[in-house]
Amino acid sequence: LVPILIKVQELQRRLLTDTAQEVFARSWNWVDAFLQCVHGIDSAPYRMLRQALMARRALILLDGIDEGGKKREAIERHVTQVLAPQGHVMLVTSRPNGMHEELFKEHFLHVRLEPLREEQQLEVIERRIGKGERSSELAKYVRERVPLDAQTGSRVTNNPLMLSMCISIFQSRQEGDARGDTMPAKVSDLYDIASRAMLERVDLKERGAAESAAAVPHLTSLLEATLFQAHLAQARIIEDVHLSRGALTMFAAGKLAEIDKLYGAAFPPDPREKELSIGDYVEIVRDGKWKGRRGVVIERKGSRFVIRLSNGATSKPLSREELVSSGGTEVLWRAQCDLNVVPAIHRACHTLPSEAQNALRVVRHHVAQDRLPLLSLLEAEPMRVQSSHLSFQEYFAARAICTGTHRLPEGSTLPWQWSAWWANVVRLGGGMDAFGHGLLRLVGGTGAAISLDLRKKIVGGDPSTSVAVLVQLAKSPSLTGIDTRSNGIDGEGAEQLAAAVLGSNSMVKFSEIPLQEIRADELITLDLSAKELGPAEGRVLAGLLSGSASITVIDLRYNSLDTESATMLANIAKEKKISLCG
């Protein structure tokens, strides 16, 4: 078999390129189209690889399907509905986060790489450090004190990347690095120490120790702003426009918001009599639950249209009157926006203060010579780089959110509707104190008392990521209330959300439950009948009632509690002699 390696991040970039649309549209599959774009239709390499494809003598290696960004859903459908039925031999790789196993079940055998066992970790440590007291000290840290993965509960060093980071940090500490007097206690701390060490090392070589310490914080701020902008665009490949947007966020955030609103938000006037076609990019304007969301027409049912939204969710059939058209496909719309937005962003950067101009110049200079740590140069002109590992991009995106300076552009997918693309950002952010507050700021929340009405609004996206976002929001001292009813949150998700709500010191109301009044023993009777309470609300109420000394009667009829929360409430009511209806 002839191996054909395709990095999905690069495939996504080609799919989003206006000039490549005709090639992908006319080709018999996207692998063939990709090879045409890379090698040229008349080249010998393309003809050879095409022959191997047609003879089914190629092994197609699709690396990192979880890095498909905005085109991930489309790529997954093409792999499972076109390439697999055509009979190609394929190996598709992905991180576990958001892996759509059901989609691949029919044509693929699912193989999961096992985490490193303890003895394998020790072997790696000894190979890097050598046998002896030092390796024993690190091995003890790995066995007993290394941070746990919040999702699996296992030591994070069973991941080779995390183990390598731990070893590098340990070696830095042993060499007398003053920052390494203790090993990290959180996963986010591992990334922090590792990234700072790499940035300081390259800057130290070029500028000297005195200037290095002053330069790194500035460089780091621009780096995290840039990587956040790339992640927001669901881009694995970072381009100059992401760097420019990052600089504007730091030095002229109001100007960036103005540009986005002026050039990137509103669709052109839409003549409603114009017929919609499959593939058109539209905005939903009249249906309450989906109002303001944008997506692609994927099916027509009579006079109605089904829309696939940017987070992968699918709408109910909608009438033409409920939709506004962009005038064409998403690629054409974004290309048109870029014609206006990108030049406006670059013009705005020319008006930034000298310190910002200098920061941009230094970063571009380092990138062009492939001397900026954490980023790998793909192309110098125009600038195209990528983080050395996607997790570093996710880490810096989480850090950027913590600053509270970033805002989502109008029309963006909201955090509680995020896809699995954001799962690791939220997981890493969970180890950062300001992440929940940063999420509130991201959606425009201001002030010391913020309440969110998310009733029937947590639609689409990745369910576990949505719950993780809610848990982090509950940690913000500015959040005083949140309503999450009628969103289908149950099981483990309900348990996690309930624990976060009960652990909040600032929230006074959850859905229709008066947290503050119950905790203060101000209520004797509590009527919560027909309030659409679900499993999460039931668990929160059970936790509150167990500590209540005043409530004697509670009405919970006509709600949607699950068996577990209903049983918890019944047991507490029996123990505390509370009259429970429902």
Protein backbone atom coordinates (compact mmCIF):
# COMPACT_ATOMS: atom_id res chain seq x y z
CA LEU A 1 0.00 0.00 0.00
CA VAL A 2 1.11 3.55 -0.78
CA PRO A 3 0.77 5.76 2.31
CA ILE A 4 -0.94 9.13 1.84
CA LEU A 5 -0.66 11.31 4.94
CA ILE A 6 -3.16 14.15 5.29
CA LYS A 7 -3.20 16.38 8.35
CA VAL A 8 -6.85 17.23 8.89
CA GLN A 9 -5.98 20.77 9.98
CA GLU A 10 -4.48 21.34 6.51
CA LEU A 11 -7.46 19.68 4.81
CA GLN A 12 -9.75 22.07 6.69
CA ARG A 13 -7.70 25.06 5.54
CA ARG A 14 -8.00 23.95 1.93
CA LEU A 15 -11.75 23.40 2.27
CA LEU A 16 -12.15 26.95 3.57
CA THR A 17 -10.10 28.45 0.73
CA ASP A 18 -12.29 30.02 -1.92
CA THR A 19 -9.89 29.16 -4.76
CA ALA A 20 -10.04 25.44 -3.93
CA GLN A 21 -13.85 25.15 -3.88
CA GLU A 22 -14.14 24.18 -7.55
CA VAL A 23 -11.47 21.49 -7.15
CA PHE A 24 -13.27 19.88 -4.20
CA ALA A 25 -16.64 20.15 -5.96
CA ARG A 26 -15.55 18.37 -9.15
CA SER A 27 -13.35 15.64 -7.61
CA TRP A 28 -14.58 12.11 -6.88
CA ASN A 29 -13.44 12.47 -3.26
CA TRP A 30 -11.69 15.00 -1.05
CA VAL A 31 -8.43 13.06 -0.86
CA ASP A 32 -8.11 13.37 -4.64
CA ALA A 33 -8.99 17.08 -4.43
CA PHE A 34 -6.45 17.65 -1.65
CA LEU A 35 -3.70 15.98 -3.67
CA GLN A 36 -4.56 18.16 -6.67
CA CYS A 37 -4.25 21.27 -4.51
CA VAL A 38 -0.93 20.17 -3.03
CA HIS A 39 0.83 18.73 -6.09
CA GLY A 40 -1.00 20.14 -9.11
CA ILE A 41 -3.25 18.18 -11.46
CA ASP A 42 -0.55 17.75 -14.12
CA SER A 43 2.26 16.70 -11.80
CA ALA A 44 3.79 13.21 -11.72
CA PRO A 45 3.31 12.77 -7.94
CA TYR A 46 -0.41 13.51 -8.25
CA ARG A 47 -0.88 11.10 -11.15
CA MET A 48 0.93 8.34 -9.27
CA LEU A 49 -1.05 8.87 -6.06
CA ARG A 50 -4.34 9.10 -7.97
CA GLN A 51 -3.57 5.77 -9.64
CA ALA A 52 -2.94 4.21 -6.22
CA LEU A 53 -6.25 5.62 -4.97
CA MET A 54 -8.21 4.32 -7.95
CA ALA A 55 -6.63 0.88 -7.62
CA ARG A 56 -7.39 0.89 -3.86
CA ARG A 57 -3.65 0.43 -3.26
CA ALA A 58 -3.32 3.49 -1.00
CA LEU A 59 -3.36 3.72 2.78
CA ILE A 60 -5.04 7.03 3.63
CA LEU A 61 -3.75 8.39 6.94
CA LEU A 62 -6.03 11.14 8.25
CA ASP A 63 -4.20 12.60 11.23
CA GLY A 64 -6.11 14.55 13.89
CA ILE A 65 -9.73 14.53 12.83
CA ASP A 66 -10.49 16.32 16.11
CA GLU A 67 -8.50 19.26 14.71
CA GLY A 68 -10.92 19.78 11.81
CA GLY A 69 -12.31 22.97 13.34
CA LYS A 70 -15.28 24.43 11.47
CA LYS A 71 -15.15 21.69 8.86
CA ARG A 72 -14.87 18.78 11.29
CA GLU A 73 -18.50 17.66 10.88
CA ALA A 74 -18.27 17.84 7.09
CA ILE A 75 -14.96 15.95 7.05
CA GLU A 76 -16.33 13.22 9.33
CA ARG A 77 -19.36 12.82 7.08
CA HIS A 78 -17.16 12.64 3.98
CA VAL A 79 -14.93 9.99 5.56
CA THR A 80 -17.82 7.80 6.68
CA GLN A 81 -20.26 8.39 3.82
CA VAL A 82 -17.93 8.75 0.82
CA LEU A 83 -14.40 7.44 1.40
CA ALA A 84 -15.35 4.37 3.43
CA PRO A 85 -18.09 3.18 1.01
CA GLN A 86 -15.62 3.68 -1.87
CA GLY A 87 -13.51 0.95 -0.27
CA HIS A 88 -10.34 2.87 0.66
CA VAL A 89 -8.06 1.58 3.42
CA MET A 90 -7.88 4.29 6.07
CA LEU A 91 -6.36 5.05 9.45
CA VAL A 92 -8.06 7.97 11.21
CA THR A 93 -6.54 9.41 14.40
CA SER A 94 -8.19 11.57 17.03
CA ARG A 95 -7.87 12.54 20.65
CA PRO A 96 -10.67 11.00 22.74
CA ASN A 97 -12.41 14.35 23.35
CA GLY A 98 -15.61 14.44 21.34
CA MET A 99 -14.78 11.39 19.24
CA HIS A 100 -18.03 10.49 17.46
CA GLU A 101 -17.71 6.72 17.78
CA GLU A 102 -21.22 5.97 16.48
CA LEU A 103 -20.44 7.77 13.23
CA PHE A 104 -17.45 5.50 12.53
CA LYS A 105 -18.95 2.29 13.91
CA GLU A 106 -20.13 0.81 10.60
CA HIS A 107 -16.87 0.94 8.64
CA PHE A 108 -14.08 1.27 11.23
CA LEU A 109 -12.49 -0.76 13.99
CA HIS A 110 -11.98 1.44 17.05
CA VAL A 111 -8.51 1.10 18.58
CA ARG A 112 -7.62 3.10 21.70
CA LEU A 113 -4.01 3.72 22.70
CA GLU A 114 -3.58 2.66 26.31
CA PRO A 115 -2.06 5.19 28.74
CA LEU A 116 1.49 4.65 29.94
CA ARG A 117 1.66 2.20 32.82
CA GLU A 118 3.61 3.14 35.95
CA GLU A 119 6.56 0.92 35.02
CA GLN A 120 6.66 2.46 31.53
CA GLN A 121 6.72 5.95 33.04
CA LEU A 122 9.60 4.92 35.29
CA GLU A 123 11.49 3.54 32.29
CA VAL A 124 11.10 6.86 30.43
CA ILE A 125 12.25 8.80 33.51
CA GLU A 126 15.36 6.66 33.90
CA ARG A 127 16.23 6.97 30.22
CA ARG A 128 15.98 10.77 30.40
CA ILE A 129 17.57 11.33 33.81
CA GLY A 130 19.48 8.13 34.53
CA LYS A 131 19.04 5.70 37.39
CA GLY A 132 19.68 6.93 40.90
CA GLU A 133 18.40 9.27 43.58
CA ARG A 134 17.17 11.96 41.20
CA SER A 135 15.07 9.60 39.10
CA SER A 136 13.68 8.03 42.29
CA GLU A 137 12.64 11.45 43.56
CA LEU A 138 10.79 12.24 40.33
CA ALA A 139 9.23 8.76 40.23
CA LYS A 140 7.85 9.33 43.74
CA TYR A 141 6.30 12.63 42.61
CA VAL A 142 4.76 10.90 39.60
CA ARG A 143 3.32 8.11 41.75
CA GLU A 144 2.04 10.21 44.62
CA ARG A 145 1.71 13.91 43.88
CA VAL A 146 1.42 14.53 40.16
CA PRO A 147 -1.91 16.23 39.24
CA LEU A 148 -4.88 14.03 38.40
CA ASP A 149 -6.76 14.25 35.12
CA ALA A 150 -10.18 15.70 35.96
CA GLN A 151 -11.87 13.48 33.37
CA THR A 152 -10.23 10.10 33.98
CA GLY A 153 -9.06 10.44 37.58
CA SER A 154 -5.65 9.03 36.57
CA ARG A 155 -2.24 10.69 36.90
CA VAL A 156 -1.71 13.04 33.97
CA THR A 157 1.75 11.58 33.35
CA ASN A 158 0.19 8.52 31.74
CA ASN A 159 0.10 10.86 28.74
CA PRO A 160 3.57 10.95 27.09
CA LEU A 161 3.44 14.72 26.50
CA MET A 162 2.64 15.45 30.15
CA LEU A 163 5.34 13.05 31.34
CA SER A 164 7.90 14.75 29.11
CA MET A 165 6.86 18.16 30.48
CA CYS A 166 7.23 16.90 34.08
CA ILE A 167 10.72 15.59 33.36
CA SER A 168 11.78 18.86 31.73
CA ILE A 169 10.47 20.89 34.67
CA PHE A 170 12.20 18.56 37.13
CA GLN A 171 15.49 18.91 35.26
CA SER A 172 15.12 22.69 35.26
CA ARG A 173 14.58 22.63 39.02
CA GLN A 174 17.64 20.43 39.53
CA GLU A 175 19.72 22.92 37.57
CA GLY A 176 18.99 25.61 40.15
CA ASP A 177 16.04 27.35 38.50
CA ALA A 178 14.49 29.49 41.24
CA ARG A 179 10.98 28.99 39.87
CA GLY A 180 11.20 25.24 40.26
CA ASP A 181 11.48 24.99 44.03
CA THR A 182 8.30 22.89 44.06
CA MET A 183 6.78 20.66 41.42
CA PRO A 184 3.37 21.73 40.06
CA ALA A 185 0.18 20.75 41.83
CA LYS A 186 -2.18 21.44 38.90
CA VAL A 187 -2.16 20.56 35.19
CA SER A 188 -2.39 24.25 34.27
CA ASP A 189 0.73 24.85 36.39
CA LEU A 190 2.61 22.26 34.32
CA TYR A 191 1.80 24.17 31.14
CA ASP A 192 2.60 27.49 32.78
CA ILE A 193 6.08 26.49 33.96
CA ALA A 194 6.93 24.63 30.74
CA SER A 195 5.82 27.47 28.44
CA ARG A 196 7.55 30.18 30.48
CA ALA A 197 10.78 28.19 30.55
CA MET A 198 10.76 27.83 26.76
CA LEU A 199 10.00 31.52 26.17
CA GLU A 200 12.65 32.66 28.63
CA ARG A 201 15.27 30.33 27.19
CA VAL A 202 15.04 31.71 23.65
CA ASP A 203 14.83 35.30 24.83
CA LEU A 204 17.76 34.81 27.19
CA LYS A 205 19.96 33.64 24.34
CA GLU A 206 19.19 36.69 22.25
CA ARG A 207 18.90 39.57 24.71
CA GLY A 208 20.61 38.66 27.97
CA ALA A 209 19.18 37.86 31.39
CA ALA A 210 18.37 41.44 32.44
CA GLU A 211 16.14 42.24 29.48
CA SER A 212 14.68 38.75 29.26
CA ALA A 213 12.63 38.94 32.46
CA ALA A 214 10.97 42.17 31.34
CA ALA A 215 10.23 40.98 27.81
CA VAL A 216 8.60 37.61 28.46
CA PRO A 217 5.34 38.80 30.10
CA HIS A 218 4.64 41.08 27.12
CA LEU A 219 5.46 38.34 24.63
CA THR A 220 3.30 35.86 26.53
CA SER A 221 0.30 38.22 26.56
CA LEU A 222 0.46 38.66 22.79
CA LEU A 223 0.94 34.93 22.31
CA GLU A 224 -2.10 34.02 24.41
CA ALA A 225 -4.26 36.65 22.70
CA THR A 226 -3.20 35.35 19.28
CA LEU A 227 -3.84 31.71 20.14
CA PHE A 228 -7.24 32.60 21.58
CA GLN A 229 -8.19 34.34 18.32
CA ALA A 230 -7.06 31.27 16.35
CA HIS A 231 -9.02 28.93 18.63
CA LEU A 232 -12.08 31.13 18.36
CA ALA A 233 -11.84 30.78 14.59
CA GLN A 234 -11.48 26.99 15.11
CA ALA A 235 -8.18 27.23 13.27
CA ARG A 236 -5.29 24.89 13.97
CA ILE A 237 -3.13 26.87 11.56
CA ILE A 238 -2.41 30.37 12.89
CA GLU A 239 -2.18 33.20 10.38
CA ASP A 240 -1.13 36.84 10.49
CA VAL A 241 -4.73 38.00 10.92
CA HIS A 242 -4.94 36.10 14.22
CA LEU A 243 -1.78 37.86 15.42
CA SER A 244 -3.20 41.24 14.41
CA ARG A 245 -6.52 40.51 16.12
CA GLY A 246 -4.61 39.50 19.24
CA ALA A 247 -2.68 42.79 19.25
CA LEU A 248 -5.91 44.77 18.84
CA THR A 249 -7.47 42.87 21.74
CA MET A 250 -4.57 43.94 23.95
CA PHE A 251 -4.25 47.55 22.86
CA ALA A 252 -7.50 48.57 21.10
CA ALA A 253 -10.28 46.10 21.96
CA GLY A 254 -12.98 48.66 21.19
CA LYS A 255 -11.63 49.15 17.67
CA LEU A 256 -11.66 45.40 17.02
CA ALA A 257 -15.30 45.12 18.17
CA GLU A 258 -16.17 48.06 15.92
CA ILE A 259 -14.55 46.38 12.90
CA ASP A 260 -16.29 43.06 13.58
CA LYS A 261 -19.64 44.78 13.93
CA LEU A 262 -19.20 46.95 10.85
CA TYR A 263 -17.88 44.30 8.45
CA GLY A 264 -18.44 40.88 9.93
CA ALA A 265 -21.82 40.78 11.65
CA ALA A 266 -24.82 41.66 9.50
CA PHE A 267 -25.85 39.81 6.36
CA PRO A 268 -26.61 41.92 3.28
CA PRO A 269 -30.28 42.75 2.55
CA ASP A 270 -32.10 39.50 1.82
CA PRO A 271 -34.86 39.45 -0.78
CA ARG A 272 -37.14 36.88 0.89
CA GLU A 273 -38.54 35.77 -2.48
CA LYS A 274 -35.07 34.45 -3.41
CA GLU A 275 -35.07 30.66 -3.21
CA LEU A 276 -32.64 28.92 -0.85
CA SER A 277 -30.37 26.11 -2.02
CA ILE A 278 -28.63 23.25 -0.23
CA GLY A 279 -25.33 24.61 1.09
CA ASP A 280 -26.52 28.21 1.58
CA TYR A 281 -25.29 29.96 4.73
CA VAL A 282 -28.22 31.42 6.67
CA GLU A 283 -29.20 33.02 9.98
CA ILE A 284 -32.27 32.00 11.98
CA VAL A 285 -34.26 35.10 12.89
CA ARG A 286 -37.70 34.08 14.17
CA ASP A 287 -37.53 30.75 15.97
CA GLY A 288 -37.02 31.48 19.70
CA LYS A 289 -34.65 28.70 20.73
CA TRP A 290 -32.34 29.08 17.74
CA LYS A 291 -32.72 32.82 17.13
CA GLY A 292 -29.50 34.51 16.07
CA ARG A 293 -27.71 31.26 15.24
CA ARG A 294 -26.12 30.69 11.84
CA GLY A 295 -25.63 27.54 9.86
CA VAL A 296 -25.84 25.77 6.52
CA VAL A 297 -28.95 24.49 4.73
CA ILE A 298 -28.52 20.71 4.57
CA GLU A 299 -31.99 19.49 3.63
CA ARG A 300 -35.25 20.70 2.14
CA LYS A 301 -38.58 19.32 3.36
CA GLY A 302 -41.33 20.74 1.19
CA SER A 303 -41.25 24.48 1.74
CA ARG A 304 -39.11 24.19 4.88
CA PHE A 305 -35.37 23.91 5.44
CA VAL A 306 -33.18 22.00 7.92
CA ILE A 307 -30.11 23.90 9.14
CA ARG A 308 -26.87 22.44 10.47
CA LEU A 309 -25.48 24.95 12.97
CA SER A 310 -21.83 25.77 13.54
CA ASN A 311 -21.66 23.60 16.68
CA GLY A 312 -22.98 20.55 14.80
CA ALA A 313 -26.57 20.70 16.05
CA THR A 314 -29.44 20.37 13.59
CA SER A 315 -32.52 22.62 13.63
CA LYS A 316 -36.11 21.59 13.14
CA PRO A 317 -37.52 22.33 9.64
CA LEU A 318 -37.87 26.11 9.34
CA SER A 319 -39.83 28.26 6.89
CA ARG A 320 -38.17 30.72 4.50
CA GLU A 321 -39.59 33.60 6.58
CA GLU A 322 -37.62 32.38 9.61
CA LEU A 323 -34.31 32.57 7.74
CA VAL A 324 -32.08 35.29 6.35
CA SER A 325 -29.62 34.29 3.62
CA SER A 326 -26.02 35.43 3.31
CA GLY A 327 -26.42 35.22 -0.44
CA GLY A 328 -24.35 32.06 -0.91
CA THR A 329 -22.22 29.46 0.84
CA GLU A 330 -20.40 29.96 4.12
CA VAL A 331 -17.04 29.95 2.33
CA LEU A 332 -18.17 32.71 -0.03
CA TRP A 333 -19.63 34.72 2.86
CA ARG A 334 -16.47 34.49 4.93
CA ALA A 335 -14.31 35.28 1.91
CA GLN A 336 -16.39 38.41 1.32
CA CYS A 337 -16.07 39.37 4.98
CA ASP A 338 -12.31 38.84 4.86
CA LEU A 339 -12.07 41.23 1.89
CA ASN A 340 -13.31 43.94 4.24
CA VAL A 341 -12.33 42.76 7.72
CA VAL A 342 -8.70 41.76 7.16
CA PRO A 343 -7.59 45.06 5.55
CA ALA A 344 -9.47 47.00 8.24
CA ILE A 345 -7.69 45.02 10.97
CA HIS A 346 -4.29 45.63 9.41
CA ARG A 347 -5.06 49.35 9.02
CA ALA A 348 -6.05 49.49 12.69
CA CYS A 349 -2.79 47.81 13.70
CA HIS A 350 -0.82 50.61 12.00
CA THR A 351 -2.39 53.08 14.44
CA LEU A 352 -1.42 51.13 17.58
CA PRO A 353 1.10 52.65 20.04
CA SER A 354 4.80 52.06 19.45
CA GLU A 355 5.07 49.32 22.10
CA ALA A 356 2.39 47.32 20.30
CA GLN A 357 4.01 47.89 16.92
CA ASN A 358 7.32 46.71 18.34
CA ALA A 359 5.74 43.59 19.85
CA LEU A 360 4.20 42.68 16.50
CA ARG A 361 7.49 43.27 14.72
CA VAL A 362 9.43 41.08 17.16
CA VAL A 363 6.92 38.24 16.95
CA ARG A 364 6.84 38.32 13.15
CA HIS A 365 10.65 38.40 13.05
CA HIS A 366 10.92 35.39 15.39
CA VAL A 367 8.24 33.49 13.48
CA ALA A 368 9.84 34.13 10.09
CA GLN A 369 13.08 32.58 11.37
CA ASP A 370 11.21 29.76 13.17
CA ARG A 371 12.70 30.90 16.49
CA LEU A 372 9.54 31.40 18.54
CA PRO A 373 9.03 28.56 21.04
CA LEU A 374 5.69 26.73 21.09
CA LEU A 375 5.06 27.65 17.45
CA SER A 376 6.25 25.76 14.37
CA LEU A 377 6.75 27.64 11.10
CA LEU A 378 4.75 26.33 8.16
CA GLU A 379 5.16 29.27 5.79
CA ALA A 380 6.95 32.58 6.26
CA GLU A 381 5.04 34.69 3.72
CA PRO A 382 2.15 34.89 4.25
CA MET A 383 2.70 33.91 7.88
CA ARG A 384 1.35 30.46 8.74
CA VAL A 385 2.37 28.70 11.96
CA GLN A 386 0.90 26.23 14.39
CA SER A 387 1.41 25.47 18.06
CA SER A 388 3.81 22.61 18.68
CA HIS A 389 0.91 20.71 20.21
CA LEU A 390 -2.79 21.59 20.14
CA SER A 391 -2.89 21.43 23.94
CA PHE A 392 -0.57 24.47 24.14
CA GLN A 393 -3.00 26.43 21.96
CA GLU A 394 -5.82 25.31 24.26
CA TYR A 395 -3.84 26.27 27.37
CA PHE A 396 -3.13 29.78 26.11
CA ALA A 397 -6.75 30.18 24.98
CA ALA A 398 -7.85 29.32 28.53
CA ARG A 399 -5.35 31.84 29.94
CA ALA A 400 -6.64 34.51 27.58
CA ILE A 401 -10.20 33.93 28.80
CA CYS A 402 -8.99 34.36 32.40
CA THR A 403 -7.79 37.89 31.64
CA GLY A 404 -11.40 39.02 31.18
CA THR A 405 -10.40 41.27 28.25
CA HIS A 406 -11.82 39.14 25.44
CA ARG A 407 -15.37 39.33 24.05
CA LEU A 408 -17.10 37.02 21.62
CA PRO A 409 -17.92 38.68 18.29
CA GLU A 410 -21.61 39.05 17.53
CA GLY A 411 -23.10 35.81 16.19
CA SER A 412 -20.49 33.56 17.86
CA THR A 413 -21.42 30.26 19.46
CA LEU A 414 -21.87 30.85 23.20
CA PRO A 415 -19.75 28.89 25.71
CA TRP A 416 -22.65 26.71 26.94
CA GLN A 417 -23.20 25.67 23.31
CA TRP A 418 -19.54 24.96 22.50
CA SER A 419 -18.51 21.83 20.63
CA ALA A 420 -15.85 19.35 21.72
CA TRP A 421 -13.28 21.65 20.06
CA TRP A 422 -13.39 23.62 23.33
CA ALA A 423 -13.41 20.65 25.72
CA ASN A 424 -9.74 20.80 26.67
CA VAL A 425 -9.78 24.60 26.95
CA VAL A 426 -12.53 24.30 29.57
CA ARG A 427 -10.73 21.43 31.32
CA LEU A 428 -7.48 23.40 31.55
CA GLY A 429 -9.38 26.52 32.58
CA GLY A 430 -10.83 24.57 35.47
CA GLY A 431 -7.43 24.77 37.13
CA MET A 432 -7.29 28.57 36.81
CA ASP A 433 -8.95 30.73 39.45
CA ALA A 434 -10.35 33.43 37.15
CA PHE A 435 -11.66 31.19 34.36
CA GLY A 436 -15.34 31.25 35.37
CA HIS A 437 -15.34 35.03 35.65
CA GLY A 438 -13.53 35.24 32.31
CA LEU A 439 -16.30 33.20 30.69
CA LEU A 440 -18.87 35.68 32.01
CA ARG A 441 -16.85 38.55 30.57
CA LEU A 442 -16.52 36.66 27.29
CA VAL A 443 -20.30 36.83 26.79
CA GLY A 444 -20.51 40.48 27.85
CA GLY A 445 -21.28 40.02 31.54
CA THR A 446 -20.32 43.07 33.59
CA GLY A 447 -20.88 44.20 37.16
CA ALA A 448 -20.74 42.51 40.53
CA ALA A 449 -24.11 40.71 40.24
CA ILE A 450 -24.79 38.79 37.04
CA SER A 451 -27.70 36.43 36.41
CA LEU A 452 -27.96 34.14 33.36
CA ASP A 453 -31.21 32.84 31.91
CA LEU A 454 -30.17 29.70 29.99
CA ARG A 455 -33.56 28.01 30.07
CA LYS A 456 -33.93 25.93 26.88
CA LYS A 457 -30.78 27.58 25.52
CA ILE A 458 -28.13 24.90 26.05
CA VAL A 459 -28.76 23.40 22.63
CA GLY A 460 -26.36 21.63 20.28
CA GLY A 461 -22.70 21.39 21.06
CA ASP A 462 -21.00 18.76 23.18
CA PRO A 463 -23.07 17.91 26.32
CA SER A 464 -20.09 17.25 28.61
CA THR A 465 -18.41 20.49 27.52
CA SER A 466 -21.62 22.43 28.13
CA VAL A 467 -21.85 21.06 31.68
CA ALA A 468 -18.16 21.80 32.29
CA VAL A 469 -18.77 25.42 31.23
CA LEU A 470 -21.72 25.70 33.63
CA VAL A 471 -19.58 24.32 36.46
CA GLN A 472 -16.92 26.96 35.79
CA LEU A 473 -19.49 29.76 35.55
CA ALA A 474 -20.79 28.74 38.99
CA LYS A 475 -17.32 29.41 40.41
CA SER A 476 -17.45 33.09 39.48
CA PRO A 477 -18.07 35.36 42.46
CA SER A 478 -20.06 37.66 40.14
CA LEU A 479 -22.68 35.04 39.25
CA THR A 480 -25.71 35.44 41.51
CA GLY A 481 -28.19 33.36 39.57
CA ILE A 482 -28.49 30.89 36.71
CA ASP A 483 -31.48 29.10 35.17
CA THR A 484 -30.61 25.85 33.37
CA ARG A 485 -34.05 24.21 33.25
CA SER A 486 -35.38 22.25 30.26
CA ASN A 487 -31.96 21.45 28.80
CA GLY A 488 -31.87 17.68 29.33
CA ILE A 489 -29.05 17.77 31.88
CA ASP A 490 -29.09 14.47 33.76
CA GLY A 491 -26.89 11.71 35.18
CA GLU A 492 -23.29 12.65 35.84
CA GLY A 493 -23.81 16.09 34.32
CA ALA A 494 -26.60 16.83 36.80
CA GLU A 495 -24.38 15.70 39.68
CA GLN A 496 -21.51 17.94 38.58
CA LEU A 497 -23.75 20.96 38.09
CA ALA A 498 -25.50 20.46 41.43
CA ALA A 499 -22.18 20.17 43.28
CA ALA A 500 -20.97 23.42 41.67
CA VAL A 501 -24.16 25.28 42.59
CA LEU A 502 -24.08 24.02 46.18
CA GLY A 503 -20.41 25.04 46.40
CA SER A 504 -21.07 28.60 45.22
CA ASN A 505 -20.98 31.36 47.84
CA SER A 506 -22.38 34.04 45.55
CA MET A 507 -25.44 32.44 43.96
CA VAL A 508 -28.78 33.40 45.51
CA LYS A 509 -31.05 31.59 43.03
CA PHE A 510 -30.72 28.48 40.88
CA SER A 511 -33.50 28.01 38.34
CA GLU A 512 -36.54 28.63 40.58
CA ILE A 513 -34.86 27.49 43.80
CA PRO A 514 -34.29 30.36 46.32
CA LEU A 515 -30.85 29.29 47.54
CA GLN A 516 -30.22 32.23 49.84
CA GLU A 517 -33.59 32.07 51.60
CA ILE A 518 -33.36 28.34 52.21
CA ARG A 519 -29.83 28.62 53.58
CA ALA A 520 -30.88 31.45 55.88
CA ASP A 521 -33.85 29.41 57.18
CA GLU A 522 -36.27 32.14 56.12
CA LEU A 523 -38.88 29.75 54.65
CA ILE A 524 -41.37 27.41 56.30
CA THR A 525 -43.21 26.28 53.17
CA LEU A 526 -41.79 26.03 49.64
CA ASP A 527 -44.05 25.74 46.59
CA LEU A 528 -42.04 24.55 43.56
CA SER A 529 -44.86 22.77 41.75
CA ALA A 530 -44.92 22.85 37.93
CA LYS A 531 -41.57 24.68 37.70
CA GLU A 532 -39.98 22.32 35.15
CA LEU A 533 -37.33 21.31 37.66
CA GLY A 534 -35.02 18.53 36.51
CA PRO A 535 -32.38 16.17 37.94
CA ALA A 536 -29.86 18.94 38.69
CA GLU A 537 -32.46 21.05 40.50
CA GLY A 538 -33.59 17.99 42.46
CA ARG A 539 -30.05 17.30 43.67
CA VAL A 540 -29.50 20.93 44.66
CA LEU A 541 -32.76 20.96 46.58
CA ALA A 542 -31.82 17.74 48.38
CA GLY A 543 -28.50 19.25 49.40
CA LEU A 544 -30.19 22.38 50.74
CA LEU A 545 -32.96 20.57 52.62
CA SER A 546 -30.45 18.37 54.42
CA GLY A 547 -29.20 21.50 56.18
CA SER A 548 -32.50 23.34 56.54
CA ALA A 549 -33.97 23.83 60.00
CA SER A 550 -37.12 25.74 59.04
CA ILE A 551 -38.89 24.14 56.04
CA THR A 552 -41.76 21.87 57.01
CA VAL A 553 -43.74 21.64 53.74
CA ILE A 554 -42.53 21.44 50.14
CA ASP A 555 -44.59 20.92 46.96
CA LEU A 556 -42.70 19.36 44.03
CA ARG A 557 -45.60 18.09 41.94
CA TYR A 558 -45.52 18.25 38.12
CA ASN A 559 -41.75 18.44 37.71
CA SER A 560 -39.24 16.24 35.86
CA LEU A 561 -37.02 14.88 38.61
CA ASP A 562 -35.17 11.63 37.96
CA THR A 563 -35.39 8.57 40.18
CA GLU A 564 -32.15 9.31 42.00
CA SER A 565 -32.97 12.89 42.99
CA ALA A 566 -36.56 11.96 43.88
CA THR A 567 -35.28 9.20 46.16
CA MET A 568 -32.80 11.57 47.80
CA LEU A 569 -35.57 14.08 48.50
CA ALA A 570 -37.92 11.41 49.84
CA ASN A 571 -35.28 10.10 52.25
CA ILE A 572 -34.40 13.60 53.50
CA ALA A 573 -38.09 14.49 53.93
CA LYS A 574 -38.65 11.32 55.95
CA GLU A 575 -35.59 11.95 58.12
CA LYS A 576 -36.42 15.61 58.82
CA LYS A 577 -40.21 15.08 59.00
CA ILE A 578 -40.90 17.41 56.05
CA SER A 579 -44.28 17.11 54.33
CA LEU A 580 -43.35 16.38 50.70
CA CYS A 581 -45.92 16.60 47.91
CA GLY A 582 -45.04 15.07 44.56
